[in-house]
Amino acid sequence: MWISKGALACGDSVLRRYDRRVRLLASALSAAAGYVDAVGFLMTGGFFVSFMSGNSTRLAVGLADRAAYAGFALGLIVLFVAGVATGALVGRMAKDRRGVAVLALVALLLAGAAILASCGADRFAVLMLALAMGAENTIFTEDGEVRIGLTYMTGTLVKLGKRITAAVLGEDRLGWAPYLLLWLGLVVGAALGATAYHYVGSQALWVAACIMALLAMVAARLRVGDTSSPLPERR
């Protein structure tokens, strides 16, 4: 069956609806998520605080092998989902101030995780990181649905591939760029997180908390989540 060029160009343009400054903010938030995930990965020796597909696989393998780590993987998944629910609730309560309210929540959770890590409670700190990363994914929502996933990139890479195909066929030639930038943000952030962890250990979480607080201020300036704002813009 032949697929039209127009069909390839539609259905995956949600990120392109947003103002360029908001897309840059999304990439910065993705970088922060990558940073936190890398630190959490190194703290736990191979578990994720934002990538639940990986933890789901580890849960399944752990159950098959009757390994104790299956319970920890399940705990991370449950806390991530709880974070999404909490972020969505805070966002609804904040209404037009959803973006800054959710980011403030994430910053507080990251600071809490840093405090726990400073006290030697690394396992609880990591669980709080999963809670924070779940909440972060509720920043860019529309009609109750998440429109931009900030902590997982499989869908972003699929959209990147589709936009590359559309560009080759003569559609929007730079439509792939925002998706590439979002993915690069996560990768660069993860590299920075791993580097920071190698130097200062779990204290690297304080950097993440400070960065998230700064991004909350940027979101307030851009009025992310404010329905009276011209951002996002529909194309």
Protein backbone atom coordinates (compact mmCIF):
# COMPACT_ATOMS: atom_id res chain seq x y z
CA MET A 1 0.00 0.00 0.00
CA TRP A 2 1.39 3.42 -0.96
CA ILE A 3 1.60 6.06 1.75
CA SER A 4 1.34 9.71 0.77
CA LYS A 5 3.97 12.23 1.75
CA GLY A 6 1.31 14.18 3.61
CA ALA A 7 0.48 11.14 5.72
CA LEU A 8 4.11 10.77 6.70
CA ALA A 9 4.27 14.41 7.72
CA CYS A 10 1.24 14.29 10.00
CA GLY A 11 0.56 12.45 13.23
CA ASP A 12 3.99 13.04 14.75
CA SER A 13 4.27 16.83 14.73
CA VAL A 14 3.31 17.51 18.36
CA LEU A 15 6.76 18.76 19.29
CA ARG A 16 6.78 21.07 16.27
CA ARG A 17 3.68 22.87 17.60
CA TYR A 18 5.68 24.48 20.35
CA ASP A 19 7.57 27.74 20.26
CA ARG A 20 11.32 27.33 19.65
CA ARG A 21 12.12 28.51 23.18
CA VAL A 22 9.82 25.89 24.66
CA ARG A 23 11.41 23.19 22.50
CA LEU A 24 14.81 24.24 23.85
CA LEU A 25 13.41 24.05 27.38
CA ALA A 26 12.12 20.54 26.64
CA SER A 27 15.61 19.52 25.48
CA ALA A 28 17.12 21.00 28.64
CA LEU A 29 14.61 19.06 30.75
CA SER A 30 15.47 15.92 28.82
CA ALA A 31 19.15 16.58 29.57
CA ALA A 32 18.31 16.92 33.26
CA ALA A 33 16.42 13.61 33.12
CA GLY A 34 19.41 11.95 31.44
CA TYR A 35 21.69 13.35 34.15
CA VAL A 36 19.48 11.98 36.93
CA ASP A 37 19.03 8.62 35.21
CA ALA A 38 22.78 8.17 34.80
CA VAL A 39 23.40 8.97 38.46
CA GLY A 40 20.63 6.60 39.53
CA PHE A 41 21.94 3.89 37.20
CA LEU A 42 25.41 4.11 38.73
CA MET A 43 24.07 4.28 42.29
CA THR A 44 22.08 1.06 41.82
CA GLY A 45 24.50 -0.83 39.59
CA GLY A 46 22.18 -1.12 36.63
CA PHE A 47 18.63 0.06 37.40
CA PHE A 48 16.91 3.08 35.89
CA VAL A 49 15.00 5.89 37.55
CA SER A 50 13.39 7.22 34.37
CA PHE A 51 13.50 4.38 31.82
CA MET A 52 10.77 2.00 32.94
CA SER A 53 10.99 -0.28 29.90
CA GLY A 54 14.43 -1.31 31.07
CA ASN A 55 13.18 -1.87 34.62
CA SER A 56 10.23 -3.87 33.30
CA THR A 57 12.64 -6.20 31.52
CA ARG A 58 14.74 -6.52 34.66
CA LEU A 59 11.56 -7.26 36.64
CA ALA A 60 10.56 -10.02 34.22
CA VAL A 61 14.05 -11.56 34.18
CA GLY A 62 14.26 -11.31 37.95
CA LEU A 63 10.93 -13.09 38.36
CA ALA A 64 12.00 -15.82 35.96
CA ASP A 65 15.27 -16.25 37.85
CA ARG A 66 13.60 -15.83 41.25
CA ALA A 67 16.07 -13.06 41.98
CA ALA A 68 15.62 -10.61 44.84
CA TYR A 69 16.23 -7.60 42.60
CA ALA A 70 12.83 -8.13 40.95
CA GLY A 71 11.20 -6.46 43.95
CA PHE A 72 13.42 -3.41 43.62
CA ALA A 73 12.63 -3.12 39.91
CA LEU A 74 8.92 -3.29 40.70
CA GLY A 75 9.34 -0.64 43.37
CA LEU A 76 10.94 1.74 40.88
CA ILE A 77 8.11 1.18 38.42
CA VAL A 78 5.44 1.76 41.07
CA LEU A 79 7.14 4.95 42.29
CA PHE A 80 7.50 6.24 38.73
CA VAL A 81 3.78 5.74 38.11
CA ALA A 82 3.04 7.39 41.46
CA GLY A 83 5.20 10.31 40.35
CA VAL A 84 3.18 10.68 37.16
CA ALA A 85 -0.05 10.64 39.16
CA THR A 86 1.33 13.17 41.66
CA GLY A 87 2.62 15.46 38.93
CA ALA A 88 -0.72 15.30 37.13
CA LEU A 89 -2.55 16.16 40.35
CA VAL A 90 -0.26 19.09 41.12
CA GLY A 91 -0.62 20.29 37.54
CA ARG A 92 -4.40 20.23 37.72
CA MET A 93 -4.40 22.07 41.02
CA ALA A 94 -1.99 24.70 39.66
CA LYS A 95 -4.06 25.14 36.48
CA ASP A 96 -2.43 27.88 34.39
CA ARG A 97 0.76 27.60 36.43
CA ARG A 98 1.10 23.89 35.75
CA GLY A 99 4.59 23.94 34.26
CA VAL A 100 6.32 25.85 37.03
CA ALA A 101 4.37 24.01 39.75
CA VAL A 102 5.37 20.58 38.46
CA LEU A 103 9.00 21.61 37.99
CA ALA A 104 9.08 23.03 41.51
CA LEU A 105 7.78 19.67 42.75
CA VAL A 106 10.48 17.83 40.79
CA ALA A 107 13.18 20.13 42.19
CA LEU A 108 11.97 19.47 45.74
CA LEU A 109 11.93 15.72 45.17
CA LEU A 110 15.46 15.82 43.77
CA ALA A 111 16.61 17.84 46.77
CA GLY A 112 14.95 15.27 49.03
CA ALA A 113 16.78 12.49 47.21
CA ALA A 114 20.07 14.35 47.64
CA ILE A 115 19.43 14.69 51.38
CA LEU A 116 18.66 10.98 51.69
CA ALA A 117 21.82 10.11 49.77
CA SER A 118 23.84 12.41 52.04
CA CYS A 119 22.48 10.43 55.01
CA GLY A 120 23.55 7.14 53.43
CA ALA A 121 20.02 6.06 52.48
CA ASP A 122 20.88 5.49 48.82
CA ARG A 123 18.11 2.97 48.18
CA PHE A 124 15.40 5.38 49.37
CA ALA A 125 17.08 8.21 47.48
CA VAL A 126 16.84 6.24 44.24
CA LEU A 127 13.16 5.50 44.84
CA MET A 128 12.54 9.23 45.28
CA LEU A 129 14.39 9.85 42.01
CA ALA A 130 11.92 7.57 40.23
CA LEU A 131 9.07 9.56 41.80
CA ALA A 132 10.64 12.80 40.52
CA MET A 133 11.18 11.50 37.01
CA GLY A 134 7.59 10.32 36.78
CA ALA A 135 6.37 13.77 37.79
CA GLU A 136 8.63 15.46 35.22
CA ASN A 137 6.77 13.75 32.39
CA THR A 138 3.56 15.64 33.20
CA ILE A 139 4.91 19.09 32.30
CA PHE A 140 3.87 19.08 28.64
CA THR A 141 0.30 17.82 28.71
CA GLU A 142 -2.75 18.59 26.61
CA ASP A 143 -6.29 17.39 27.33
CA GLY A 144 -4.91 15.25 30.13
CA GLU A 145 -2.43 13.43 27.86
CA VAL A 146 1.36 13.68 27.89
CA ARG A 147 2.47 15.28 24.60
CA ILE A 148 6.25 15.30 25.08
CA GLY A 149 7.95 12.45 26.91
CA LEU A 150 11.06 13.85 28.59
CA THR A 151 12.61 10.79 30.20
CA TYR A 152 12.21 8.11 27.52
CA MET A 153 13.32 8.33 23.92
CA THR A 154 11.96 5.33 21.99
CA GLY A 155 8.93 7.27 20.74
CA THR A 156 11.11 10.29 19.98
CA LEU A 157 13.47 8.16 17.87
CA VAL A 158 10.51 6.67 16.00
CA LYS A 159 9.26 10.16 15.22
CA LEU A 160 12.77 11.19 14.21
CA GLY A 161 12.89 8.37 11.68
CA LYS A 162 9.47 9.27 10.28
CA ARG A 163 10.40 12.94 9.93
CA ILE A 164 13.61 12.00 8.14
CA THR A 165 11.54 10.00 5.66
CA ALA A 166 9.18 12.96 5.20
CA ALA A 167 12.15 15.27 4.58
CA VAL A 168 13.59 12.88 1.98
CA LEU A 169 10.22 12.87 0.22
CA GLY A 170 10.17 16.66 0.03
CA GLU A 171 8.15 17.56 3.13
CA ASP A 172 9.39 19.76 5.96
CA ARG A 173 13.15 19.39 5.55
CA LEU A 174 14.00 20.32 9.13
CA GLY A 175 11.07 18.60 10.82
CA TRP A 176 13.44 16.00 12.25
CA ALA A 177 15.64 18.53 14.06
CA PRO A 178 13.54 19.02 17.26
CA TYR A 179 13.41 15.26 17.83
CA LEU A 180 17.15 14.89 17.34
CA LEU A 181 17.73 17.76 19.76
CA LEU A 182 15.49 16.14 22.38
CA TRP A 183 17.38 12.84 22.10
CA LEU A 184 20.77 14.55 22.17
CA GLY A 185 19.70 16.39 25.31
CA LEU A 186 19.14 13.09 27.11
CA VAL A 187 22.44 11.62 25.91
CA VAL A 188 24.52 14.68 26.78
CA GLY A 189 22.82 14.98 30.17
CA ALA A 190 23.50 11.30 30.93
CA ALA A 191 27.17 11.75 30.03
CA LEU A 192 27.41 14.74 32.36
CA GLY A 193 25.62 12.83 35.12
CA ALA A 194 27.99 9.88 34.84
CA THR A 195 31.00 12.21 34.89
CA ALA A 196 29.70 14.07 37.95
CA TYR A 197 29.02 10.79 39.76
CA HIS A 198 32.56 9.57 39.15
CA TYR A 199 33.89 12.73 40.83
CA VAL A 200 31.48 13.37 43.70
CA GLY A 201 29.30 10.27 43.94
CA SER A 202 25.66 10.65 44.92
CA GLN A 203 26.29 14.30 45.87
CA ALA A 204 25.87 14.94 42.14
CA LEU A 205 22.15 14.93 42.90
CA TRP A 206 22.46 18.41 44.40
CA VAL A 207 23.47 19.68 40.97
CA ALA A 208 20.34 18.09 39.47
CA ALA A 209 18.12 19.73 42.09
CA CYS A 210 19.65 23.16 41.44
CA ILE A 211 19.34 22.76 37.66
CA MET A 212 15.69 21.77 37.97
CA ALA A 213 15.00 24.82 40.15
CA LEU A 214 16.57 27.03 37.49
CA LEU A 215 14.49 25.37 34.78
CA ALA A 216 11.38 25.98 36.87
CA MET A 217 12.18 29.70 36.76
CA VAL A 218 12.66 29.51 32.99
CA ALA A 219 9.32 27.74 32.65
CA ALA A 220 7.68 30.50 34.68
CA ARG A 221 9.18 33.12 32.39
CA LEU A 222 7.98 31.28 29.29
CA ARG A 223 4.63 30.65 30.96
CA VAL A 224 4.75 26.95 30.14
CA GLY A 225 1.40 25.40 30.99
CA ASP A 226 -0.36 28.77 31.02
CA THR A 227 -3.43 28.38 28.82
CA SER A 228 -3.65 32.14 28.40
CA SER A 229 -0.18 32.16 26.85
CA PRO A 230 0.45 31.93 23.11
CA LEU A 231 2.74 28.97 23.88
CA PRO A 232 2.40 26.30 22.68
CA GLU A 233 1.46 27.39 19.20
CA ARG A 234 -0.46 25.09 16.88
CA ARG A 235 0.86 24.95 13.36
